[in-house]
Amino acid sequence: MSNVDNSGNKSKLPAKVSIFHLFLVLMGANLMMLLTPNFGMLNSFLFIPDIYTWSAVILGVALLGMGFNGLYKKF
């Protein structure tokens, strides 16, 4: 009776969230939300040239990609 296998009762440890990668995701989302050409919040009432808006969108997508890549850490 003492040789019963209890490996099915072990629970998985929760994944940890990296604060730095979470910050990258938030920064990328904010850049895209504010500066997307013709749809962004800042572009609705300010004139911002396209060179800055498209650069901000590309940077926002890159930050989102880097942030989601290492967001969760499993132990």
PDB file of N, CA and C in Angstrom:
ATOM      1  N   MET A   1       0.804  -1.183   0.000  1.00  0.00           N
ATOM      2  CA  MET A   1       0.000   0.000   0.000  1.00  0.00           C
ATOM      3  C   MET A   1       0.853   1.255   0.000  1.00  0.00           C
ATOM      4  N   SER A   2       2.027   1.222   0.543  1.00  0.00           N
ATOM      5  CA  SER A   2       2.846   2.422   0.618  1.00  0.00           C
ATOM      6  C   SER A   2       3.559   2.716  -0.704  1.00  0.00           C
ATOM      7  N   ASN A   3       3.505   1.818  -1.673  1.00  0.00           N
ATOM      8  CA  ASN A   3       4.186   2.009  -2.945  1.00  0.00           C
ATOM      9  C   ASN A   3       3.256   2.571  -4.018  1.00  0.00           C
ATOM     10  N   VAL A   4       2.222   3.277  -3.624  1.00  0.00           N
ATOM     11  CA  VAL A   4       1.259   3.832  -4.570  1.00  0.00           C
ATOM     12  C   VAL A   4       1.878   5.054  -5.243  1.00  0.00           C
ATOM     13  N   ASP A   5       1.714   5.125  -6.565  1.00  0.00           N
ATOM     14  CA  ASP A   5       2.262   6.245  -7.338  1.00  0.00           C
ATOM     15  C   ASP A   5       1.313   7.443  -7.241  1.00  0.00           C
ATOM     16  N   ASN A   6       1.780   8.530  -6.658  1.00  0.00           N
ATOM     17  CA  ASN A   6       0.970   9.736  -6.502  1.00  0.00           C
ATOM     18  C   ASN A   6       1.368  10.835  -7.490  1.00  0.00           C
ATOM     19  N   SER A   7       1.982  10.492  -8.594  1.00  0.00           N
ATOM     20  CA  SER A   7       2.449  11.513  -9.532  1.00  0.00           C
ATOM     21  C   SER A   7       1.284  12.213 -10.232  1.00  0.00           C
ATOM     22  N   GLY A   8       0.111  11.650 -10.266  1.00  0.00           N
ATOM     23  CA  GLY A   8      -1.039  12.283 -10.883  1.00  0.00           C
ATOM     24  C   GLY A   8      -1.625  13.397 -10.044  1.00  0.00           C
ATOM     25  N   ASN A   9      -1.270  13.473  -8.787  1.00  0.00           N
ATOM     26  CA  ASN A   9      -1.828  14.475  -7.897  1.00  0.00           C
ATOM     27  C   ASN A   9      -1.011  15.772  -7.851  1.00  0.00           C
ATOM     28  N   LYS A  10       0.137  15.802  -8.501  1.00  0.00           N
ATOM     29  CA  LYS A  10       0.973  17.000  -8.476  1.00  0.00           C
ATOM     30  C   LYS A  10       0.354  18.079  -9.347  1.00  0.00           C
ATOM     31  N   SER A  11       0.298  19.274  -8.831  1.00  0.00           N
ATOM     32  CA  SER A  11      -0.243  20.380  -9.617  1.00  0.00           C
ATOM     33  C   SER A  11       0.906  21.140 -10.263  1.00  0.00           C
ATOM     34  N   LYS A  12       0.619  21.766 -11.377  1.00  0.00           N
ATOM     35  CA  LYS A  12       1.633  22.537 -12.084  1.00  0.00           C
ATOM     36  C   LYS A  12       1.807  23.886 -11.407  1.00  0.00           C
ATOM     37  N   LEU A  13       3.029  24.371 -11.416  1.00  0.00           N
ATOM     38  CA  LEU A  13       3.308  25.678 -10.855  1.00  0.00           C
ATOM     39  C   LEU A  13       2.798  26.751 -11.825  1.00  0.00           C
ATOM     40  N   PRO A  14       2.289  27.844 -11.310  1.00  0.00           N
ATOM     41  CA  PRO A  14       1.807  28.902 -12.207  1.00  0.00           C
ATOM     42  C   PRO A  14       2.970  29.591 -12.914  1.00  0.00           C
ATOM     43  N   ALA A  15       2.701  30.084 -14.103  1.00  0.00           N
ATOM     44  CA  ALA A  15       3.723  30.797 -14.862  1.00  0.00           C
ATOM     45  C   ALA A  15       3.908  32.190 -14.277  1.00  0.00           C
ATOM     46  N   LYS A  16       5.142  32.667 -14.290  1.00  0.00           N
ATOM     47  CA  LYS A  16       5.426  34.012 -13.807  1.00  0.00           C
ATOM     48  C   LYS A  16       5.412  34.981 -14.977  1.00  0.00           C
ATOM     49  N   VAL A  17       4.977  36.191 -14.719  1.00  0.00           N
ATOM     50  CA  VAL A  17       4.910  37.223 -15.741  1.00  0.00           C
ATOM     51  C   VAL A  17       6.097  38.161 -15.560  1.00  0.00           C
ATOM     52  N   SER A  18       6.810  38.402 -16.633  1.00  0.00           N
ATOM     53  CA  SER A  18       7.943  39.319 -16.603  1.00  0.00           C
ATOM     54  C   SER A  18       7.429  40.754 -16.675  1.00  0.00           C
ATOM     55  N   ILE A  19       7.793  41.565 -15.703  1.00  0.00           N
ATOM     56  CA  ILE A  19       7.335  42.952 -15.645  1.00  0.00           C
ATOM     57  C   ILE A  19       7.919  43.759 -16.801  1.00  0.00           C
ATOM     58  N   PHE A  20       9.172  43.503 -17.146  1.00  0.00           N
ATOM     59  CA  PHE A  20       9.812  44.215 -18.248  1.00  0.00           C
ATOM     60  C   PHE A  20       9.097  43.946 -19.571  1.00  0.00           C
ATOM     61  N   HIS A  21       8.760  42.687 -19.829  1.00  0.00           N
ATOM     62  CA  HIS A  21       8.072  42.359 -21.076  1.00  0.00           C
ATOM     63  C   HIS A  21       6.640  42.883 -21.074  1.00  0.00           C
ATOM     64  N   LEU A  22       6.017  42.922 -19.924  1.00  0.00           N
ATOM     65  CA  LEU A  22       4.694  43.528 -19.822  1.00  0.00           C
ATOM     66  C   LEU A  22       4.757  45.016 -20.149  1.00  0.00           C
ATOM     67  N   PHE A  23       5.802  45.698 -19.678  1.00  0.00           N
ATOM     68  CA  PHE A  23       6.017  47.100 -19.993  1.00  0.00           C
ATOM     69  C   PHE A  23       6.225  47.302 -21.497  1.00  0.00           C
ATOM     70  N   LEU A  24       6.959  46.391 -22.142  1.00  0.00           N
ATOM     71  CA  LEU A  24       7.151  46.484 -23.592  1.00  0.00           C
ATOM     72  C   LEU A  24       5.829  46.341 -24.347  1.00  0.00           C
ATOM     73  N   VAL A  25       4.984  45.433 -23.904  1.00  0.00           N
ATOM     74  CA  VAL A  25       3.677  45.245 -24.536  1.00  0.00           C
ATOM     75  C   VAL A  25       2.824  46.499 -24.374  1.00  0.00           C
ATOM     76  N   LEU A  26       2.817  47.083 -23.193  1.00  0.00           N
ATOM     77  CA  LEU A  26       2.021  48.291 -22.966  1.00  0.00           C
ATOM     78  C   LEU A  26       2.533  49.469 -23.782  1.00  0.00           C
ATOM     79  N   MET A  27       3.836  49.632 -23.876  1.00  0.00           N
ATOM     80  CA  MET A  27       4.406  50.724 -24.673  1.00  0.00           C
ATOM     81  C   MET A  27       4.094  50.557 -26.156  1.00  0.00           C
ATOM     82  N   GLY A  28       4.197  49.335 -26.667  1.00  0.00           N
ATOM     83  CA  GLY A  28       3.884  49.087 -28.068  1.00  0.00           C
ATOM     84  C   GLY A  28       2.416  49.327 -28.378  1.00  0.00           C
ATOM     85  N   ALA A  29       1.546  48.909 -27.483  1.00  0.00           N
ATOM     86  CA  ALA A  29       0.119  49.124 -27.702  1.00  0.00           C
ATOM     87  C   ALA A  29      -0.228  50.607 -27.650  1.00  0.00           C
ATOM     88  N   ASN A  30       0.396  51.346 -26.739  1.00  0.00           N
ATOM     89  CA  ASN A  30       0.145  52.787 -26.658  1.00  0.00           C
ATOM     90  C   ASN A  30       0.626  53.517 -27.896  1.00  0.00           C
ATOM     91  N   LEU A  31       1.798  53.165 -28.390  1.00  0.00           N
ATOM     92  CA  LEU A  31       2.294  53.801 -29.607  1.00  0.00           C
ATOM     93  C   LEU A  31       1.348  53.565 -30.775  1.00  0.00           C
ATOM     94  N   MET A  32       0.885  52.350 -30.899  1.00  0.00           N
ATOM     95  CA  MET A  32      -0.014  52.046 -32.016  1.00  0.00           C
ATOM     96  C   MET A  32      -1.369  52.722 -31.845  1.00  0.00           C
ATOM     97  N   MET A  33      -1.869  52.763 -30.629  1.00  0.00           N
ATOM     98  CA  MET A  33      -3.184  53.355 -30.391  1.00  0.00           C
ATOM     99  C   MET A  33      -3.156  54.872 -30.599  1.00  0.00           C
ATOM    100  N   LEU A  34      -2.075  55.509 -30.222  1.00  0.00           N
ATOM    101  CA  LEU A  34      -2.008  56.961 -30.325  1.00  0.00           C
ATOM    102  C   LEU A  34      -1.624  57.457 -31.711  1.00  0.00           C
ATOM    103  N   LEU A  35      -0.731  56.776 -32.391  1.00  0.00           N
ATOM    104  CA  LEU A  35      -0.121  57.348 -33.579  1.00  0.00           C
ATOM    105  C   LEU A  35      -0.414  56.619 -34.885  1.00  0.00           C
ATOM    106  N   THR A  36      -1.383  55.734 -34.934  1.00  0.00           N
ATOM    107  CA  THR A  36      -1.724  55.070 -36.183  1.00  0.00           C
ATOM    108  C   THR A  36      -2.270  56.098 -37.173  1.00  0.00           C
ATOM    109  N   PRO A  37      -1.741  56.124 -38.402  1.00  0.00           N
ATOM    110  CA  PRO A  37      -2.210  57.125 -39.379  1.00  0.00           C
ATOM    111  C   PRO A  37      -3.706  56.989 -39.667  1.00  0.00           C
ATOM    112  N   ASN A  38      -4.404  58.105 -39.659  1.00  0.00           N
ATOM    113  CA  ASN A  38      -5.836  58.237 -39.952  1.00  0.00           C
ATOM    114  C   ASN A  38      -6.750  57.618 -38.900  1.00  0.00           C
ATOM    115  N   PHE A  39      -6.240  56.915 -37.906  1.00  0.00           N
ATOM    116  CA  PHE A  39      -7.094  56.300 -36.890  1.00  0.00           C
ATOM    117  C   PHE A  39      -6.639  56.586 -35.466  1.00  0.00           C
ATOM    118  N   GLY A  40      -5.427  57.009 -35.277  1.00  0.00           N
ATOM    119  CA  GLY A  40      -4.879  57.211 -33.942  1.00  0.00           C
ATOM    120  C   GLY A  40      -5.527  58.370 -33.212  1.00  0.00           C
ATOM    121  N   MET A  41      -5.473  58.324 -31.899  1.00  0.00           N
ATOM    122  CA  MET A  41      -6.104  59.360 -31.090  1.00  0.00           C
ATOM    123  C   MET A  41      -5.427  60.719 -31.257  1.00  0.00           C
ATOM    124  N   LEU A  42      -4.104  60.734 -31.320  1.00  0.00           N
ATOM    125  CA  LEU A  42      -3.419  62.010 -31.511  1.00  0.00           C
ATOM    126  C   LEU A  42      -3.615  62.549 -32.924  1.00  0.00           C
ATOM    127  N   ASN A  43      -3.755  61.666 -33.887  1.00  0.00           N
ATOM    128  CA  ASN A  43      -3.956  62.104 -35.269  1.00  0.00           C
ATOM    129  C   ASN A  43      -5.368  62.618 -35.513  1.00  0.00           C
ATOM    130  N   SER A  44      -6.267  62.381 -34.598  1.00  0.00           N
ATOM    131  CA  SER A  44      -7.632  62.869 -34.803  1.00  0.00           C
ATOM    132  C   SER A  44      -7.740  64.378 -34.586  1.00  0.00           C
ATOM    133  N   PHE A  45      -6.860  64.959 -33.744  1.00  0.00           N
ATOM    134  CA  PHE A  45      -6.958  66.400 -33.522  1.00  0.00           C
ATOM    135  C   PHE A  45      -5.648  67.147 -33.736  1.00  0.00           C
ATOM    136  N   LEU A  46      -4.560  66.461 -34.004  1.00  0.00           N
ATOM    137  CA  LEU A  46      -3.291  67.106 -34.316  1.00  0.00           C
ATOM    138  C   LEU A  46      -2.808  66.640 -35.681  1.00  0.00           C
ATOM    139  N   PHE A  47      -2.083  67.486 -36.375  1.00  0.00           N
ATOM    140  CA  PHE A  47      -1.461  67.059 -37.619  1.00  0.00           C
ATOM    141  C   PHE A  47      -0.054  66.571 -37.304  1.00  0.00           C
ATOM    142  N   ILE A  48       0.159  65.286 -37.489  1.00  0.00           N
ATOM    143  CA  ILE A  48       1.474  64.683 -37.288  1.00  0.00           C
ATOM    144  C   ILE A  48       1.887  64.092 -38.631  1.00  0.00           C
ATOM    145  N   PRO A  49       3.057  64.454 -39.145  1.00  0.00           N
ATOM    146  CA  PRO A  49       3.476  63.944 -40.454  1.00  0.00           C
ATOM    147  C   PRO A  49       3.569  62.422 -40.488  1.00  0.00           C
ATOM    148  N   ASP A  50       3.384  61.894 -41.683  1.00  0.00           N
ATOM    149  CA  ASP A  50       3.363  60.434 -41.852  1.00  0.00           C
ATOM    150  C   ASP A  50       4.689  59.773 -41.520  1.00  0.00           C
ATOM    151  N   ILE A  51       5.774  60.468 -41.672  1.00  0.00           N
ATOM    152  CA  ILE A  51       7.074  59.866 -41.355  1.00  0.00           C
ATOM    153  C   ILE A  51       7.150  59.469 -39.884  1.00  0.00           C
ATOM    154  N   TYR A  52       6.531  60.259 -39.024  1.00  0.00           N
ATOM    155  CA  TYR A  52       6.546  59.941 -37.591  1.00  0.00           C
ATOM    156  C   TYR A  52       5.507  58.874 -37.236  1.00  0.00           C
ATOM    157  N   THR A  53       4.357  58.938 -37.866  1.00  0.00           N
ATOM    158  CA  THR A  53       3.304  57.984 -37.507  1.00  0.00           C
ATOM    159  C   THR A  53       3.648  56.574 -37.965  1.00  0.00           C
ATOM    160  N   TRP A  54       4.146  56.427 -39.189  1.00  0.00           N
ATOM    161  CA  TRP A  54       4.483  55.085 -39.664  1.00  0.00           C
ATOM    162  C   TRP A  54       5.678  54.519 -38.917  1.00  0.00           C
ATOM    163  N   SER A  55       6.617  55.374 -38.559  1.00  0.00           N
ATOM    164  CA  SER A  55       7.750  54.917 -37.743  1.00  0.00           C
ATOM    165  C   SER A  55       7.276  54.448 -36.370  1.00  0.00           C
ATOM    166  N   ALA A  56       6.325  55.167 -35.790  1.00  0.00           N
ATOM    167  CA  ALA A  56       5.791  54.778 -34.481  1.00  0.00           C
ATOM    168  C   ALA A  56       5.014  53.472 -34.562  1.00  0.00           C
ATOM    169  N   VAL A  57       4.292  53.248 -35.656  1.00  0.00           N
ATOM    170  CA  VAL A  57       3.554  51.991 -35.817  1.00  0.00           C
ATOM    171  C   VAL A  57       4.520  50.820 -35.953  1.00  0.00           C
ATOM    172  N   ILE A  58       5.574  50.996 -36.726  1.00  0.00           N
ATOM    173  CA  ILE A  58       6.565  49.927 -36.887  1.00  0.00           C
ATOM    174  C   ILE A  58       7.261  49.639 -35.560  1.00  0.00           C
ATOM    175  N   LEU A  59       7.615  50.690 -34.838  1.00  0.00           N
ATOM    176  CA  LEU A  59       8.228  50.519 -33.522  1.00  0.00           C
ATOM    177  C   LEU A  59       7.252  49.859 -32.543  1.00  0.00           C
ATOM    178  N   GLY A  60       5.971  50.219 -32.604  1.00  0.00           N
ATOM    179  CA  GLY A  60       4.966  49.604 -31.738  1.00  0.00           C
ATOM    180  C   GLY A  60       4.784  48.128 -32.006  1.00  0.00           C
ATOM    181  N   VAL A  61       4.774  47.743 -33.271  1.00  0.00           N
ATOM    182  CA  VAL A  61       4.657  46.319 -33.616  1.00  0.00           C
ATOM    183  C   VAL A  61       5.887  45.556 -33.139  1.00  0.00           C
ATOM    184  N   ALA A  62       7.069  46.157 -33.291  1.00  0.00           N
ATOM    185  CA  ALA A  62       8.294  45.508 -32.820  1.00  0.00           C
ATOM    186  C   ALA A  62       8.281  45.344 -31.302  1.00  0.00           C
ATOM    187  N   LEU A  63       7.828  46.369 -30.584  1.00  0.00           N
ATOM    188  CA  LEU A  63       7.753  46.259 -29.128  1.00  0.00           C
ATOM    189  C   LEU A  63       6.738  45.209 -28.693  1.00  0.00           C
ATOM    190  N   LEU A  64       5.618  45.128 -29.388  1.00  0.00           N
ATOM    191  CA  LEU A  64       4.631  44.089 -29.070  1.00  0.00           C
ATOM    192  C   LEU A  64       5.210  42.700 -29.294  1.00  0.00           C
ATOM    193  N   GLY A  65       5.913  42.531 -30.391  1.00  0.00           N
ATOM    194  CA  GLY A  65       6.519  41.231 -30.675  1.00  0.00           C
ATOM    195  C   GLY A  65       7.548  40.832 -29.641  1.00  0.00           C
ATOM    196  N   MET A  66       8.421  41.773 -29.281  1.00  0.00           N
ATOM    197  CA  MET A  66       9.435  41.472 -28.266  1.00  0.00           C
ATOM    198  C   MET A  66       8.796  41.242 -26.896  1.00  0.00           C
ATOM    199  N   GLY A  67       7.747  41.982 -26.591  1.00  0.00           N
ATOM    200  CA  GLY A  67       7.104  41.839 -25.290  1.00  0.00           C
ATOM    201  C   GLY A  67       6.371  40.524 -25.132  1.00  0.00           C
ATOM    202  N   PHE A  68       5.621  40.123 -26.162  1.00  0.00           N
ATOM    203  CA  PHE A  68       4.884  38.862 -26.069  1.00  0.00           C
ATOM    204  C   PHE A  68       5.811  37.653 -26.159  1.00  0.00           C
ATOM    205  N   ASN A  69       6.998  37.849 -26.727  1.00  0.00           N
ATOM    206  CA  ASN A  69       7.936  36.731 -26.868  1.00  0.00           C
ATOM    207  C   ASN A  69       8.407  36.210 -25.520  1.00  0.00           C
ATOM    208  N   GLY A  70       8.660  37.059 -24.554  1.00  0.00           N
ATOM    209  CA  GLY A  70       9.171  36.604 -23.273  1.00  0.00           C
ATOM    210  C   GLY A  70       8.282  36.970 -22.106  1.00  0.00           C
ATOM    211  N   LEU A  71       6.982  37.098 -22.345  1.00  0.00           N
ATOM    212  CA  LEU A  71       6.080  37.562 -21.303  1.00  0.00           C
ATOM    213  C   LEU A  71       5.933  36.557 -20.165  1.00  0.00           C
ATOM    214  N   TYR A  72       5.778  35.288 -20.478  1.00  0.00           N
ATOM    215  CA  TYR A  72       5.559  34.275 -19.457  1.00  0.00           C
ATOM    216  C   TYR A  72       6.812  33.432 -19.255  1.00  0.00           C
ATOM    217  N   LYS A  73       7.142  33.177 -17.985  1.00  0.00           N
ATOM    218  CA  LYS A  73       8.272  32.337 -17.653  1.00  0.00           C
ATOM    219  C   LYS A  73       7.751  31.143 -16.880  1.00  0.00           C
ATOM    220  N   LYS A  74       8.086  29.957 -17.344  1.00  0.00           N
ATOM    221  CA  LYS A  74       7.673  28.741 -16.639  1.00  0.00           C
ATOM    222  C   LYS A  74       8.829  28.199 -15.829  1.00  0.00           C
ATOM    223  N   PHE A  75       8.526  27.659 -14.676  1.00  0.00           N
ATOM    224  CA  PHE A  75       9.551  27.087 -13.817  1.00  0.00           C
ATOM    225  C   PHE A  75       9.313  25.628 -13.635  1.00  0.00           C
TER     226      PHE A  75
END
